[in-house]
Protein backbone atom coordinates (compact mmCIF):
# COMPACT_ATOMS: atom_id res chain seq x y z
CA MET A 1 153.37 -48.29 44.68
CA LYS A 2 149.90 -48.51 46.18
CA ILE A 3 148.74 -45.86 48.66
CA ALA A 4 145.50 -45.63 50.62
CA LEU A 5 144.59 -41.94 50.89
CA CYS A 6 141.90 -41.29 53.46
CA THR A 7 140.77 -37.68 53.40
CA GLU A 8 137.63 -35.64 53.42
CA LEU A 9 136.03 -35.26 50.02
CA ARG A 10 136.76 -31.54 49.79
CA ASN A 11 140.50 -32.17 50.18
CA VAL A 12 141.06 -35.29 48.10
CA GLU A 13 142.21 -33.61 44.88
CA TRP A 14 144.64 -31.31 46.71
CA PHE A 15 146.25 -34.09 48.74
CA GLU A 16 146.33 -36.50 45.82
CA SER A 17 148.00 -33.95 43.55
CA ARG A 18 150.70 -33.35 46.18
CA LEU A 19 151.36 -37.08 46.49
CA ARG A 20 151.43 -37.56 42.72
CA SER A 21 153.95 -34.73 42.33
CA LEU A 22 156.30 -36.58 44.70
CA PHE A 23 156.11 -39.77 42.66
CA ASP A 24 156.38 -38.10 39.25
CA GLY A 25 157.68 -40.70 36.87
CA ASP A 26 156.37 -43.70 38.82
CA GLY A 27 153.86 -45.03 36.31
CA GLN A 28 152.84 -47.70 38.80
CA LEU A 29 151.52 -45.32 41.47
CA ALA A 30 147.99 -46.25 42.50
CA ILE A 31 146.06 -44.17 45.01
CA ASP A 32 142.83 -45.49 46.50
CA GLU A 33 140.71 -42.53 47.58
CA LEU A 34 138.79 -43.18 50.80
CA TRP A 35 136.60 -40.62 52.56
CA ASN A 36 136.09 -41.95 56.08
CA GLU A 37 137.38 -44.48 58.57
CA ASN A 38 134.77 -47.07 57.55
CA GLN A 39 135.92 -47.05 53.92
CA LEU A 40 139.53 -47.17 55.11
CA ALA A 41 138.80 -50.21 57.27
CA GLN A 42 137.14 -52.02 54.36
CA ALA A 43 140.06 -51.21 52.04
CA LEU A 44 142.64 -52.40 54.56
CA ARG A 45 140.78 -55.68 55.00
CA ARG A 46 140.74 -56.46 51.27
CA SER A 47 144.04 -54.95 50.00
CA ARG A 48 147.66 -54.47 50.98
CA TYR A 49 149.25 -51.05 50.70
CA HIS A 50 152.79 -49.70 50.66
CA ALA A 51 151.57 -46.75 52.75
CA VAL A 52 148.46 -45.29 54.32
CA VAL A 53 148.04 -41.52 54.25
CA ILE A 54 145.38 -40.03 56.49
CA ALA A 55 144.53 -36.38 55.99
CA MET A 56 141.46 -35.65 58.06
CA THR A 57 140.44 -33.01 60.54
CA GLY A 58 139.96 -33.45 64.26
CA ALA A 59 138.70 -36.64 65.84
CA LYS A 60 137.81 -38.14 62.45
CA GLY A 61 141.51 -38.28 61.66
CA LEU A 62 142.30 -39.86 65.01
CA GLU A 63 139.64 -42.53 64.48
CA ALA A 64 141.03 -43.31 61.02
CA VAL A 65 144.58 -43.56 62.39
CA ILE A 66 143.48 -45.96 65.12
CA GLN A 67 141.68 -48.10 62.52
CA ALA A 68 144.74 -48.18 60.27
CA LYS A 69 147.11 -49.09 63.12
CA ARG A 70 144.81 -51.89 64.24
CA LEU A 71 144.16 -53.38 60.79
CA ALA A 72 147.58 -52.83 59.15
CA PRO A 73 150.14 -52.39 61.92
CA GLU A 74 153.15 -53.02 59.65
CA THR A 75 152.09 -50.58 56.93
CA PRO A 76 153.83 -47.18 57.07
CA LEU A 77 151.40 -44.47 58.10
CA VAL A 78 151.50 -40.74 57.38
CA TRP A 79 149.08 -38.57 59.37
CA TRP A 80 148.31 -35.06 58.14
CA SER A 81 146.22 -33.05 60.56
CA ASP A 82 144.96 -29.49 60.88
CA ASP A 83 145.50 -29.73 64.65
CA GLU A 84 149.12 -29.95 65.76
CA ASN A 85 147.94 -30.99 69.24
CA PHE A 86 147.46 -34.47 67.78
CA ALA A 87 151.25 -34.76 67.35
CA LEU A 88 151.60 -36.04 70.92
CA ILE A 89 148.89 -38.62 70.33
CA ALA A 90 150.68 -39.68 67.14
CA TYR A 91 153.85 -40.16 69.16
CA HIS A 92 152.04 -42.32 71.73
CA LEU A 93 150.43 -44.39 68.97
CA ARG A 94 153.87 -44.83 67.34
CA ILE A 95 152.80 -43.16 64.12
CA PRO A 96 156.06 -42.69 62.22
CA VAL A 97 155.05 -39.48 60.41
CA PHE A 98 152.85 -36.65 61.66
CA LEU A 99 152.58 -33.54 59.50
CA PRO A 100 150.58 -30.33 59.82
CA ALA A 101 148.10 -29.96 56.96
CA ASP A 102 149.94 -26.87 55.73
CA CYS A 103 153.33 -28.61 55.51
CA SER A 104 155.61 -27.76 52.64
CA ASP A 105 156.23 -30.08 49.72
CA GLN A 106 159.78 -30.55 51.04
CA GLU A 107 158.45 -31.71 54.45
CA LEU A 108 156.08 -34.12 52.70
CA TYR A 109 158.91 -35.37 50.49
CA GLU A 110 161.13 -36.02 53.53
CA ALA A 111 158.27 -37.89 55.23
CA ILE A 112 157.57 -40.11 52.22
CA LYS A 113 161.22 -40.67 51.25
CA PRO A 114 161.85 -43.55 53.71
CA ILE A 115 158.72 -45.32 52.47
CA MET A 116 159.88 -45.09 48.87
CA LYS A 117 163.40 -46.16 49.79
CA TRP A 118 162.08 -49.18 51.71
CA ARG A 119 159.83 -50.10 48.79
CA CYS A 120 162.65 -49.86 46.28
CA GLU A 121 165.09 -51.83 48.42
CA ASN A 122 162.60 -54.61 49.02
CA ALA A 123 161.30 -54.69 45.45
CA ASN A 124 164.80 -54.44 43.97
CA CYS A 125 163.76 -51.56 41.72
CA ALA A 126 165.98 -48.94 40.15
CA MET A 127 163.97 -45.85 41.17
CA GLN A 128 165.34 -44.08 44.22
CA LEU A 129 164.38 -40.72 45.71
């Protein structure tokens, strides 16, 4: 599974470790670390991803989400934000998953589960969540 993780540099290790813990045992997990919407846009132009995870504060996160929706509209998107007021914007943008930055591992697991299930069904793999 290939995930684009767009987050601010100070958060990348924390978010990546949470994602990796969810996919424990998936030796094929690849996470591209991106630190702003420009890097995200470049990555989405040159690669395909199973999911895009955006974990950025304030308007930077919104800009990254808009870029991702425009460049990869069919790719599942998870938006972590420190501002729950963006949840309504996520709804209007048809972002399937919006999570507060302090969400529990269980909430993150439930958000990612459909993405993994879709990947496994379409790739005909044995691993299921």
